[in-house]
Amino acid sequence: MALGAAKMNTQDRTILRDLAKKVADLAALPLQEEKRKVWQGVNELKPRRPALFCSPEGSWGELLPDNTLKCREEAARGLEWGLRLRLYAAEHFCDDQVCDRDYFVGCALRDENEPPALQYIMPAEARGAYVWEPLIKTHQDLDKLAPPALVHDQEKTQQNLAFHEELWGDILQVRLRGAAHLSGGLIDDWARLRGLTQTFLDMTDDPNFVQAGMQRMLENRQVRFDFLEAQNLLGLNNGNHYIGSGALGYTRELPAADFDGRVRLKDLWGFADAQTMSEVSPVMQERFVLPYQIPILERFGLNCYGCCEPLHHLLPALKRRLPRLRRVSISPWADKRISAQELGPNIVFSWKPNPAYLAGVHFNPELVRKDIRETLDIAKEHGNVLEIVLKDTHTCNNEPWRFDKWLKIAREEIMRSVE
């Protein structure tokens, strides 16, 4: 990409610019502002109605197979893929994703103290289960986790920015943007380094090891965040930005009141989760997980928590201990009624419907409708601020229309609930 967009072959350049024009046309539609206001209302706990968001994730390969791409050069095909994702969502999904003209270019960062890469043993089956060789096997191995030594390659950053400005800066709004989706989860990273089964055993057999590992992870994460903040390498995430485990960041509560143009952690949405701890008791999570997440989340202006792990039994601790908690992910494995009662009107109920209802062998519209209606009724009963986030759909059984149908049902039920 450093060669410059002018040196891209003419055919690829034309394809990309034509797609960019389609994105810009969709971005100009009045409905985009309506969608922004929906997210703003949810994030500020004054909802117009429940928000609806679809992230096909693993199904994108079925919605947009490789033969959809027309560009020839590999770099151009990557850019084409990104634009076609935007267009497909805008043209097919009746959700609240916002299509805008922004095209963000990230800063080129590298960590000169990055630990050795893990060795994964992958299965023959596509998307099958895998195992890996843990990096941390003894207490002494903690020394392998050196504090990060981040370096910003400013020349490469400017080259990337210039490339995109030259390619379509007259069509899209090309912007340089610092790091914005920052996680303070830690425990999932530790389980990857130590091994998942061994982490569970350590919690009873060698709890000091878990705590020492988590403390090291916390210290290293703080070093990373300190660097990004001090070097002005953070980017705001209070607009059309993916936050938490599925939402858009629109809010007037960020950045902080004393914001002067230099982005700090307190100007951002923060995020933490603990997906590997789904079967671990709240007592053990309060011992091994939350104490190391809290110092990170304390630095952010508003916080999101959770992803696929069921959190209904942990909600009292999350409400009591986490600072400025604004949204919690309620996964398909969480008790919806307990969650609704605990969350009340002051924390966003970020509901993740069961992806199996979309991805199963047979698509049952009535089952989908029943599930969505039940959740909407429960949320209404408890005065919840609700968002519906369809994700973790790693297949649609090669029937892309399922997403359109699922979202149409959800939209109908949402409008029924607010009549």
Protein backbone atom coordinates (compact mmCIF):
# COMPACT_ATOMS: atom_id res chain seq x y z
CA MET A 1 0.00 0.00 0.00
CA ALA A 2 2.96 2.31 0.51
CA LEU A 3 3.35 2.56 -3.30
CA GLY A 4 0.36 4.86 -3.55
CA ALA A 5 -3.14 4.40 -4.86
CA ALA A 6 -2.21 5.89 -8.24
CA LYS A 7 -0.06 2.78 -8.94
CA MET A 8 -2.97 0.39 -8.35
CA ASN A 9 -4.20 -1.17 -11.58
CA THR A 10 -6.95 0.87 -13.22
CA GLN A 11 -9.61 -1.82 -13.00
CA ASP A 12 -9.21 -2.33 -9.24
CA ARG A 13 -9.11 1.39 -8.61
CA THR A 14 -12.33 1.92 -10.57
CA ILE A 15 -14.10 -0.90 -8.73
CA LEU A 16 -13.12 0.49 -5.32
CA ARG A 17 -14.08 4.07 -6.14
CA ASP A 18 -17.45 2.97 -7.52
CA LEU A 19 -18.16 1.04 -4.32
CA ALA A 20 -17.06 4.01 -2.23
CA LYS A 21 -19.54 6.22 -4.10
CA LYS A 22 -22.35 3.78 -3.26
CA VAL A 23 -21.35 3.94 0.42
CA ALA A 24 -21.37 7.75 0.29
CA ASP A 25 -24.82 7.77 -1.32
CA LEU A 26 -26.24 5.53 1.40
CA ALA A 27 -24.56 7.62 4.07
CA ALA A 28 -26.42 10.70 2.86
CA LEU A 29 -29.87 9.19 3.47
CA PRO A 30 -31.91 10.83 6.29
CA LEU A 31 -32.49 7.46 7.95
CA GLN A 32 -28.85 7.39 9.09
CA GLU A 33 -29.51 10.29 11.46
CA GLU A 34 -32.59 8.51 12.78
CA LYS A 35 -30.45 5.48 13.59
CA ARG A 36 -27.86 7.62 15.36
CA LYS A 37 -30.58 8.99 17.62
CA VAL A 38 -31.75 5.46 18.47
CA TRP A 39 -28.27 4.53 19.71
CA GLN A 40 -27.84 7.82 21.50
CA GLY A 41 -31.09 7.23 23.34
CA VAL A 42 -30.10 3.71 24.40
CA ASN A 43 -26.59 4.70 25.48
CA GLU A 44 -27.89 7.67 27.49
CA LEU A 45 -30.64 5.52 29.11
CA LYS A 46 -33.41 7.52 27.45
CA PRO A 47 -34.42 5.12 24.70
CA ARG A 48 -36.73 5.98 21.82
CA ARG A 49 -37.10 2.21 21.35
CA PRO A 50 -34.88 -0.90 21.64
CA ALA A 51 -31.89 -0.80 19.29
CA LEU A 52 -31.26 -3.63 16.80
CA PHE A 53 -27.82 -4.66 15.57
CA CYS A 54 -26.68 -7.55 13.36
CA SER A 55 -23.09 -8.77 13.11
CA PRO A 56 -22.99 -11.94 10.96
CA GLU A 57 -19.38 -12.69 11.93
CA GLY A 58 -18.61 -16.24 10.76
CA SER A 59 -21.47 -16.15 8.27
CA TRP A 60 -19.98 -13.34 6.21
CA GLY A 61 -18.22 -15.91 4.06
CA GLU A 62 -21.62 -17.27 3.07
CA LEU A 63 -23.19 -13.85 2.55
CA LEU A 64 -20.24 -12.58 0.52
CA PRO A 65 -18.28 -15.55 -0.87
CA ASP A 66 -14.90 -15.00 -2.50
CA ASN A 67 -16.38 -14.96 -5.99
CA THR A 68 -18.24 -11.78 -5.01
CA LEU A 69 -14.95 -9.85 -5.11
CA LYS A 70 -13.97 -8.40 -8.48
CA CYS A 71 -10.58 -6.83 -7.73
CA ARG A 72 -7.45 -8.74 -8.75
CA GLU A 73 -4.72 -7.49 -6.39
CA GLU A 74 -4.79 -8.92 -2.87
CA ALA A 75 -4.58 -5.55 -1.12
CA ALA A 76 -7.40 -4.19 -3.26
CA ARG A 77 -9.54 -7.26 -2.53
CA GLY A 78 -9.17 -6.59 1.19
CA LEU A 79 -10.43 -3.04 0.72
CA GLU A 80 -13.22 -4.26 -1.54
CA TRP A 81 -14.34 -6.76 1.09
CA GLY A 82 -14.65 -4.01 3.70
CA LEU A 83 -16.78 -1.84 1.43
CA ARG A 84 -19.02 -4.69 0.34
CA LEU A 85 -19.67 -5.56 3.99
CA ARG A 86 -20.92 -2.03 4.57
CA LEU A 87 -23.08 -2.10 1.48
CA TYR A 88 -24.55 -5.53 2.18
CA ALA A 89 -25.54 -4.54 5.72
CA ALA A 90 -27.05 -1.26 4.55
CA GLU A 91 -28.98 -2.85 1.69
CA HIS A 92 -30.17 -6.04 3.41
CA PHE A 93 -30.40 -5.54 7.17
CA CYS A 94 -33.33 -3.59 8.60
CA ASP A 95 -31.34 -2.96 11.78
CA ASP A 96 -29.84 0.19 13.31
CA GLN A 97 -26.34 0.02 11.87
CA VAL A 98 -25.31 3.43 10.66
CA CYS A 99 -23.69 3.79 7.25
CA ASP A 100 -21.49 6.87 7.11
CA ARG A 101 -18.67 8.28 4.96
CA ASP A 102 -15.95 7.82 7.57
CA TYR A 103 -13.00 5.64 6.65
CA PHE A 104 -10.61 5.21 9.55
CA VAL A 105 -6.91 4.54 9.17
CA GLY A 106 -5.18 3.17 12.26
CA CYS A 107 -1.77 4.03 13.63
CA ALA A 108 1.06 1.60 12.85
CA LEU A 109 2.16 0.19 16.22
CA ARG A 110 4.46 -2.66 17.14
CA ASP A 111 5.47 -4.19 20.45
CA GLU A 112 9.17 -4.97 20.64
CA ASN A 113 8.59 -7.05 23.79
CA GLU A 114 5.75 -9.13 22.41
CA PRO A 115 5.89 -12.66 23.90
CA PRO A 116 6.57 -15.64 21.62
CA ALA A 117 3.63 -16.75 19.49
CA LEU A 118 1.69 -19.74 20.79
CA GLN A 119 1.90 -23.00 18.86
CA TYR A 120 -1.61 -24.06 17.81
CA ILE A 121 -2.57 -27.57 16.72
CA MET A 122 -5.34 -27.07 14.24
CA PRO A 123 -7.87 -29.70 13.13
CA ALA A 124 -8.43 -30.85 9.58
CA GLU A 125 -12.06 -29.73 9.72
CA ALA A 126 -12.83 -26.10 8.95
CA ARG A 127 -13.64 -24.18 12.14
CA GLY A 128 -13.01 -27.30 14.24
CA ALA A 129 -11.72 -27.34 17.83
CA TYR A 130 -8.01 -26.77 18.38
CA VAL A 131 -5.49 -27.02 21.19
CA TRP A 132 -2.28 -25.15 21.86
CA GLU A 133 0.97 -25.37 23.75
CA PRO A 134 0.83 -22.97 26.74
CA LEU A 135 3.61 -20.45 27.16
CA ILE A 136 3.40 -20.25 30.96
CA LYS A 137 4.15 -23.58 32.67
CA THR A 138 5.96 -22.55 35.86
CA HIS A 139 6.09 -19.52 38.15
CA GLN A 140 9.46 -18.65 36.59
CA ASP A 141 7.81 -18.40 33.19
CA LEU A 142 6.07 -15.23 34.32
CA ASP A 143 9.31 -13.48 33.37
CA LYS A 144 8.40 -14.17 29.74
CA LEU A 145 5.66 -11.57 30.12
CA ALA A 146 7.83 -8.48 29.86
CA PRO A 147 6.17 -5.05 29.93
CA PRO A 148 5.19 -3.98 26.44
CA ALA A 149 7.63 -1.75 24.56
CA LEU A 150 5.39 -0.05 22.02
CA VAL A 151 6.78 1.86 19.07
CA HIS A 152 4.74 4.07 16.75
CA ASP A 153 5.99 3.90 13.18
CA GLN A 154 4.95 7.39 12.17
CA GLU A 155 6.27 7.08 8.63
CA LYS A 156 4.20 3.97 7.97
CA THR A 157 1.14 5.60 9.52
CA GLN A 158 1.45 8.61 7.22
CA GLN A 159 2.01 6.38 4.20
CA ASN A 160 -1.17 4.45 4.95
CA LEU A 161 -3.11 7.66 5.47
CA ALA A 162 -1.81 9.15 2.21
CA PHE A 163 -2.68 5.96 0.32
CA HIS A 164 -6.33 6.05 1.35
CA GLU A 165 -6.65 9.81 0.87
CA GLU A 166 -5.29 9.45 -2.66
CA LEU A 167 -7.55 6.47 -3.42
CA TRP A 168 -10.90 7.87 -2.29
CA GLY A 169 -10.43 10.92 -0.10
CA ASP A 170 -12.68 12.91 -2.44
CA ILE A 171 -15.51 10.41 -1.82
CA LEU A 172 -15.11 9.11 1.72
CA GLN A 173 -13.97 11.03 4.77
CA VAL A 174 -10.56 9.51 5.47
CA ARG A 175 -9.51 9.97 9.07
CA LEU A 176 -6.51 8.96 11.12
CA ARG A 177 -7.72 7.31 14.29
CA GLY A 178 -5.93 6.03 17.34
CA ALA A 179 -6.73 2.93 19.38
CA ALA A 180 -10.36 2.93 20.51
CA HIS A 181 -11.58 -0.62 21.25
CA LEU A 182 -9.54 -1.33 24.37
CA SER A 183 -10.21 -4.37 26.55
CA GLY A 184 -9.43 -4.92 30.19
CA GLY A 185 -10.65 -8.52 30.30
CA LEU A 186 -7.24 -10.17 31.00
CA ILE A 187 -8.47 -13.56 32.27
CA ASP A 188 -9.11 -14.94 28.78
CA ASP A 189 -5.61 -13.88 27.76
CA TRP A 190 -4.18 -15.55 30.87
CA ALA A 191 -6.11 -18.77 30.15
CA ARG A 192 -4.61 -18.79 26.66
CA LEU A 193 -1.08 -18.36 28.02
CA ARG A 194 -1.46 -20.86 30.87
CA GLY A 195 -3.91 -23.28 29.27
CA LEU A 196 -7.62 -23.33 30.01
CA THR A 197 -7.81 -26.61 31.94
CA GLN A 198 -4.69 -25.73 33.92
CA THR A 199 -6.14 -22.32 34.81
CA PHE A 200 -9.20 -24.02 36.30
CA LEU A 201 -7.00 -26.41 38.29
CA ASP A 202 -4.79 -23.57 39.51
CA MET A 203 -7.77 -21.77 41.04
CA THR A 204 -7.92 -24.48 43.70
CA ASP A 205 -4.44 -26.07 43.58
CA ASP A 206 -2.28 -22.95 43.19
CA PRO A 207 -4.40 -19.80 43.58
CA ASN A 208 -1.35 -17.63 44.19
CA PHE A 209 -0.12 -18.50 40.71
CA VAL A 210 -3.36 -17.28 39.12
CA GLN A 211 -3.21 -14.07 41.11
CA ALA A 212 0.45 -13.49 40.27
CA GLY A 213 -0.28 -14.06 36.59
CA MET A 214 -3.27 -11.75 36.61
CA GLN A 215 -1.29 -9.07 38.42
CA ARG A 216 1.41 -9.26 35.77
CA MET A 217 -1.22 -9.06 33.03
CA LEU A 218 -2.78 -6.03 34.72
CA GLU A 219 0.54 -4.22 35.06
CA ASN A 220 1.42 -4.86 31.42
CA ARG A 221 -1.98 -3.72 30.19
CA GLN A 222 -1.63 -0.51 32.20
CA VAL A 223 1.78 0.11 30.64
CA ARG A 224 0.23 -0.26 27.21
CA PHE A 225 -2.62 2.11 27.99
CA ASP A 226 -0.26 4.63 29.60
CA PHE A 227 1.80 4.70 26.40
CA LEU A 228 -1.22 5.19 24.15
CA GLU A 229 -2.52 7.99 26.32
CA ALA A 230 0.82 9.76 26.74
CA GLN A 231 1.64 9.56 23.01
CA ASN A 232 -1.80 10.83 21.92
CA LEU A 233 -2.53 7.53 20.16
CA LEU A 234 -6.10 7.06 21.37
CA GLY A 235 -9.20 7.69 19.30
CA LEU A 236 -12.69 8.64 20.42
CA ASN A 237 -15.36 5.91 20.25
CA ASN A 238 -18.51 7.93 20.96
CA GLY A 239 -19.86 7.79 17.40
CA ASN A 240 -20.25 5.11 14.73
CA HIS A 241 -17.80 2.88 16.53
CA TYR A 242 -18.19 -0.73 17.63
CA ILE A 243 -18.08 -0.85 21.43
CA GLY A 244 -18.29 -3.59 24.03
CA SER A 245 -19.31 -6.92 22.50
CA GLY A 246 -21.83 -5.47 20.08
CA ALA A 247 -23.22 -1.92 20.03
CA LEU A 248 -22.52 1.51 18.54
CA GLY A 249 -20.98 4.17 20.75
CA TYR A 250 -23.14 7.24 20.07
CA THR A 251 -23.42 9.36 23.22
CA ARG A 252 -23.11 12.97 24.34
CA GLU A 253 -21.72 11.84 27.69
CA LEU A 254 -18.31 11.28 26.11
CA PRO A 255 -15.75 12.74 25.87
CA ALA A 256 -15.40 14.12 29.40
CA ALA A 257 -16.44 17.69 30.13
CA ASP A 258 -12.83 18.91 30.24
CA PHE A 259 -11.90 17.39 26.86
CA ASP A 260 -9.48 19.66 24.98
CA GLY A 261 -8.88 17.62 21.83
CA ARG A 262 -6.34 15.20 23.28
CA VAL A 263 -8.04 11.85 23.84
CA ARG A 264 -7.65 10.21 27.23
CA LEU A 265 -9.02 6.93 28.55
CA LYS A 266 -11.65 8.79 30.55
CA ASP A 267 -13.03 10.09 27.24
CA LEU A 268 -13.76 6.55 26.01
CA TRP A 269 -16.03 3.58 26.38
CA GLY A 270 -14.18 0.77 28.16
CA PHE A 271 -14.80 -2.96 27.97
CA ALA A 272 -14.02 -6.17 29.85
CA ASP A 273 -15.32 -9.71 29.75
CA ALA A 274 -14.45 -13.17 31.04
CA GLN A 275 -15.76 -15.68 28.53
CA THR A 276 -13.57 -18.52 29.75
CA MET A 277 -15.09 -18.16 33.21
CA SER A 278 -18.62 -19.11 32.15
CA GLU A 279 -18.68 -22.11 34.52
CA VAL A 280 -16.73 -20.48 37.35
CA SER A 281 -18.64 -19.37 40.45
CA PRO A 282 -19.24 -15.68 41.23
CA VAL A 283 -17.17 -16.10 44.40
CA MET A 284 -14.14 -17.24 42.40
CA GLN A 285 -14.67 -14.55 39.78
CA GLU A 286 -14.67 -11.94 42.52
CA ARG A 287 -11.35 -13.38 43.67
CA PHE A 288 -9.52 -14.07 40.42
CA VAL A 289 -11.13 -11.85 37.78
CA LEU A 290 -12.78 -8.63 38.94
CA PRO A 291 -9.93 -7.31 41.14
CA TYR A 292 -7.71 -7.12 38.06
CA GLN A 293 -10.32 -5.66 35.74
CA ILE A 294 -11.49 -2.90 38.06
CA PRO A 295 -8.24 -0.83 38.02
CA ILE A 296 -8.47 -0.71 34.22
CA LEU A 297 -12.18 0.06 34.00
CA GLU A 298 -11.74 2.85 36.55
CA ARG A 299 -9.83 4.77 33.90
CA PHE A 300 -12.68 4.84 31.34
CA GLY A 301 -15.60 7.22 31.11
CA LEU A 302 -18.31 4.57 30.59
CA ASN A 303 -18.00 0.80 30.64
CA CYS A 304 -19.42 -2.28 28.92
CA TYR A 305 -19.09 -5.77 30.37
CA GLY A 306 -19.47 -9.29 29.08
CA CYS A 307 -19.88 -11.23 25.87
CA CYS A 308 -20.94 -14.90 25.58
CA GLU A 309 -20.60 -15.82 29.26
CA PRO A 310 -23.82 -16.07 31.33
CA LEU A 311 -23.68 -13.21 33.86
CA HIS A 312 -27.05 -13.29 35.64
CA HIS A 313 -25.56 -14.62 38.91
CA LEU A 314 -22.64 -12.18 38.74
CA LEU A 315 -24.73 -9.07 38.17
CA PRO A 316 -24.93 -8.04 41.88
CA ALA A 317 -21.13 -8.03 42.05
CA LEU A 318 -20.77 -6.20 38.74
CA LYS A 319 -23.20 -3.48 39.83
CA ARG A 320 -21.49 -3.14 43.19
CA ARG A 321 -17.89 -3.15 42.05
CA LEU A 322 -17.52 -1.91 38.49
CA PRO A 323 -17.24 1.85 37.94
CA ARG A 324 -19.61 3.65 35.56
CA LEU A 325 -21.11 0.41 34.27
CA ARG A 326 -23.47 1.29 31.43
CA ARG A 327 -24.15 -1.97 29.54
CA VAL A 328 -23.98 -5.69 30.27
CA SER A 329 -24.13 -8.50 27.74
CA ILE A 330 -26.90 -11.00 28.45
CA SER A 331 -26.01 -14.10 26.45
CA PRO A 332 -28.27 -16.97 25.35
CA TRP A 333 -27.08 -18.90 28.41
CA ALA A 334 -28.13 -16.24 30.92
CA ASP A 335 -31.46 -16.20 32.72
CA LYS A 336 -33.34 -13.34 31.08
CA ARG A 337 -35.74 -12.70 33.96
CA ILE A 338 -33.05 -12.58 36.63
CA SER A 339 -30.98 -10.34 34.38
CA ALA A 340 -33.85 -7.96 33.69
CA GLN A 341 -34.64 -7.63 37.37
CA GLU A 342 -31.00 -6.98 38.31
CA LEU A 343 -30.28 -4.51 35.49
CA GLY A 344 -33.38 -2.37 35.93
CA PRO A 345 -33.50 0.97 34.06
CA ASN A 346 -29.94 2.14 34.72
CA ILE A 347 -27.81 -0.40 32.84
CA VAL A 348 -28.35 -1.33 29.19
CA PHE A 349 -29.69 -4.88 28.76
CA SER A 350 -27.53 -5.94 25.79
CA TRP A 351 -29.35 -9.09 24.76
CA LYS A 352 -27.63 -11.66 22.54
CA PRO A 353 -30.33 -13.98 21.09
CA ASN A 354 -29.54 -17.65 20.58
CA PRO A 355 -27.69 -17.86 17.23
CA ALA A 356 -28.82 -21.48 16.82
CA TYR A 357 -32.29 -20.19 15.96
CA LEU A 358 -30.77 -18.69 12.84
CA ALA A 359 -27.98 -21.17 12.16
CA GLY A 360 -29.81 -24.46 12.76
CA VAL A 361 -30.60 -27.03 10.09
CA HIS A 362 -34.11 -25.65 9.71
CA PHE A 363 -35.13 -22.01 10.17
CA ASN A 364 -38.27 -21.65 12.28
CA PRO A 365 -39.70 -18.10 12.06
CA GLU A 366 -42.22 -18.70 14.83
CA LEU A 367 -39.52 -19.86 17.24
CA VAL A 368 -37.55 -16.70 16.44
CA ARG A 369 -40.61 -14.53 16.98
CA LYS A 370 -41.48 -16.22 20.28
CA ASP A 371 -37.94 -15.73 21.62
CA ILE A 372 -37.78 -12.06 20.66
CA ARG A 373 -41.29 -11.27 21.90
CA GLU A 374 -40.61 -12.93 25.25
CA THR A 375 -37.45 -10.87 25.76
CA LEU A 376 -39.13 -7.61 24.76
CA ASP A 377 -41.99 -8.29 27.18
CA ILE A 378 -39.61 -9.13 30.04
CA ALA A 379 -37.57 -5.98 29.40
CA LYS A 380 -40.70 -3.84 29.27
CA GLU A 381 -41.96 -5.34 32.53
CA HIS A 382 -38.75 -4.37 34.34
CA GLY A 383 -38.23 -1.00 32.67
CA ASN A 384 -35.02 -2.13 30.97
CA VAL A 385 -33.13 -0.21 28.31
CA LEU A 386 -32.85 -2.95 25.70
CA GLU A 387 -30.68 -3.56 22.67
CA ILE A 388 -30.87 -6.73 20.56
CA VAL A 389 -27.54 -7.88 19.12
CA LEU A 390 -27.59 -10.80 16.70
CA LYS A 391 -24.06 -12.20 16.50
CA ASP A 392 -21.98 -15.38 16.89
CA THR A 393 -23.76 -16.73 13.84
CA HIS A 394 -20.94 -18.80 12.40
CA THR A 395 -23.14 -20.18 9.65
CA CYS A 396 -26.52 -19.50 8.11
CA ASN A 397 -26.57 -22.89 6.38
CA ASN A 398 -25.74 -21.08 3.16
CA GLU A 399 -29.11 -19.34 3.23
CA PRO A 400 -28.31 -15.61 3.53
CA TRP A 401 -32.01 -14.72 3.43
CA ARG A 402 -32.26 -16.00 7.01
CA PHE A 403 -30.64 -12.81 8.31
CA ASP A 404 -33.10 -10.65 6.40
CA LYS A 405 -36.02 -12.67 7.72
CA TRP A 406 -34.75 -12.78 11.31
CA LEU A 407 -34.23 -9.00 11.37
CA LYS A 408 -37.61 -8.34 9.78
CA ILE A 409 -39.26 -10.35 12.56
CA ALA A 410 -37.22 -8.51 15.19
CA ARG A 411 -38.17 -5.13 13.72
CA GLU A 412 -41.85 -6.08 13.72
CA GLU A 413 -41.69 -7.19 17.34
CA ILE A 414 -39.80 -4.09 18.42
CA MET A 415 -42.40 -1.83 16.86
CA ARG A 416 -45.19 -3.90 18.45
CA SER A 417 -43.57 -3.46 21.85
CA VAL A 418 -43.50 0.34 21.63
CA GLU A 419 -47.01 0.88 20.29
